């Protein structure tokens, strides 16, 4: 049986190289963890689609079940779940995020 929320999540992940399921929008994040993740991606110059889970309860709950990951934000790169804010921050600080983006062919700026 098809799950409409899962179908929409999969469509976003398939159609966009980098997707951030977040609270709020990239211009107006509505939680500190979403804001921090947007800040990292923006600092690196990564083009990404933000999906505001606060606008749709089905997507908000669906994304947690989709990945079996209990928190938001959630970052996807080329269809692959990367992690939440803490993981993205650790990967950014260690250089792993830049490496992942490079391997996946995602344009970005080297961290200064």
Protein backbone atom coordinates (compact mmCIF):
# COMPACT_ATOMS: atom_id res chain seq x y z
CA UNK A 1 0.00 0.00 0.00
CA UNK A 2 1.26 3.44 -0.93
CA UNK A 3 1.97 6.07 1.73
CA UNK A 4 1.26 9.59 0.36
CA UNK A 5 3.71 11.27 2.76
CA UNK A 6 6.48 8.79 1.87
CA UNK A 7 5.73 9.31 -1.84
CA UNK A 8 6.08 13.09 -1.49
CA UNK A 9 9.27 12.76 0.58
CA UNK A 10 10.76 10.37 -1.98
CA UNK A 11 9.77 12.71 -4.83
CA UNK A 12 11.56 15.66 -3.15
CA UNK A 13 14.66 13.57 -2.44
CA UNK A 14 14.71 12.23 -6.01
CA UNK A 15 14.14 15.61 -7.68
CA UNK A 16 16.69 17.65 -5.69
CA UNK A 17 20.40 16.88 -5.18
CA UNK A 18 20.35 18.37 -1.65
CA UNK A 19 17.20 18.48 0.50
CA UNK A 20 16.86 19.70 4.07
CA UNK A 21 13.68 18.74 5.90
CA UNK A 22 13.53 21.48 8.51
CA UNK A 23 11.36 23.57 10.80
CA UNK A 24 10.75 26.81 8.95
CA UNK A 25 12.33 27.90 5.69
CA UNK A 26 15.95 28.54 4.69
CA UNK A 27 15.22 32.28 4.89
CA UNK A 28 13.33 32.01 8.20
CA UNK A 29 14.32 28.88 10.17
CA UNK A 30 12.06 28.31 13.17
CA UNK A 31 14.34 26.27 15.41
CA UNK A 32 17.97 26.58 16.38
CA UNK A 33 18.98 23.20 14.95
CA UNK A 34 17.41 24.00 11.56
CA UNK A 35 19.05 27.44 11.63
CA UNK A 36 22.47 25.96 12.37
CA UNK A 37 22.17 23.44 9.55
CA UNK A 38 21.05 26.15 7.08
CA UNK A 39 23.98 28.29 8.24
CA UNK A 40 26.47 25.49 7.48
CA UNK A 41 25.01 24.79 4.03
CA UNK A 42 24.85 28.51 3.22
CA UNK A 43 28.41 29.08 4.44
CA UNK A 44 29.54 26.31 2.09
CA UNK A 45 27.51 27.76 -0.79
CA UNK A 46 25.52 24.56 -1.20
CA UNK A 47 22.34 24.95 -3.25
CA UNK A 48 19.56 23.07 -1.45
CA UNK A 49 15.81 22.72 -1.19
CA UNK A 50 14.30 23.38 2.21
CA UNK A 51 11.10 21.53 3.09
CA UNK A 52 9.19 23.18 5.94
CA UNK A 53 7.77 20.32 8.02
CA UNK A 54 5.74 22.79 10.10
CA UNK A 55 3.47 23.38 7.09
CA UNK A 56 2.43 19.73 6.83
CA UNK A 57 1.89 17.37 9.78
CA UNK A 58 2.00 14.32 7.47
CA UNK A 59 5.47 15.25 6.23
CA UNK A 60 6.60 16.20 9.75
CA UNK A 61 5.73 12.75 11.13
CA UNK A 62 6.39 10.95 7.85
CA UNK A 63 10.02 12.06 7.58
CA UNK A 64 10.76 10.60 11.02
CA UNK A 65 9.32 7.23 9.98
CA UNK A 66 10.89 7.44 6.51
CA UNK A 67 14.41 7.42 7.95
CA UNK A 68 13.68 5.94 11.36
CA UNK A 69 15.35 9.09 12.73
CA UNK A 70 13.44 10.91 15.50
CA UNK A 71 14.60 14.49 15.03
CA UNK A 72 14.37 17.33 12.54
CA UNK A 73 16.25 18.73 10.61
CA UNK A 74 17.25 15.91 8.31
CA UNK A 75 19.70 16.36 5.44
CA UNK A 76 19.71 14.30 2.25
CA UNK A 77 22.43 14.44 -0.39
CA UNK A 78 21.78 12.70 -3.73
CA UNK A 79 19.05 10.60 -2.15
CA UNK A 80 21.20 9.50 0.80
CA UNK A 81 20.27 10.38 4.38
CA UNK A 82 23.23 12.20 5.92
CA UNK A 83 21.90 13.00 9.39
CA UNK A 84 20.61 15.73 11.65
CA UNK A 85 22.13 18.95 12.92
CA UNK A 86 24.77 17.41 15.21
CA UNK A 87 26.02 15.01 12.54
CA UNK A 88 26.09 17.74 9.87
CA UNK A 89 27.97 20.03 12.25
CA UNK A 90 30.53 17.33 13.12
CA UNK A 91 30.99 16.48 9.43
CA UNK A 92 31.44 20.17 8.59
CA UNK A 93 34.04 20.67 11.32
CA UNK A 94 36.01 17.55 10.36
CA UNK A 95 35.89 18.24 6.60
CA UNK A 96 33.79 15.12 5.95
CA UNK A 97 30.86 17.17 4.67
CA UNK A 98 33.01 18.85 2.00
CA UNK A 99 34.36 15.43 1.02
CA UNK A 100 30.86 13.97 0.76
CA UNK A 101 29.65 16.90 -1.36
CA UNK A 102 32.67 16.55 -3.62
CA UNK A 103 32.15 12.79 -4.03
CA UNK A 104 28.49 13.37 -4.91
CA UNK A 105 29.27 16.17 -7.39
CA UNK A 106 27.49 18.87 -5.40
CA UNK A 107 28.87 22.39 -5.98
CA UNK A 108 30.17 24.04 -2.82
CA UNK A 109 32.87 26.35 -1.55
CA UNK A 110 35.76 25.01 0.47
CA UNK A 111 35.48 25.92 4.14
CA UNK A 112 37.77 28.80 5.04
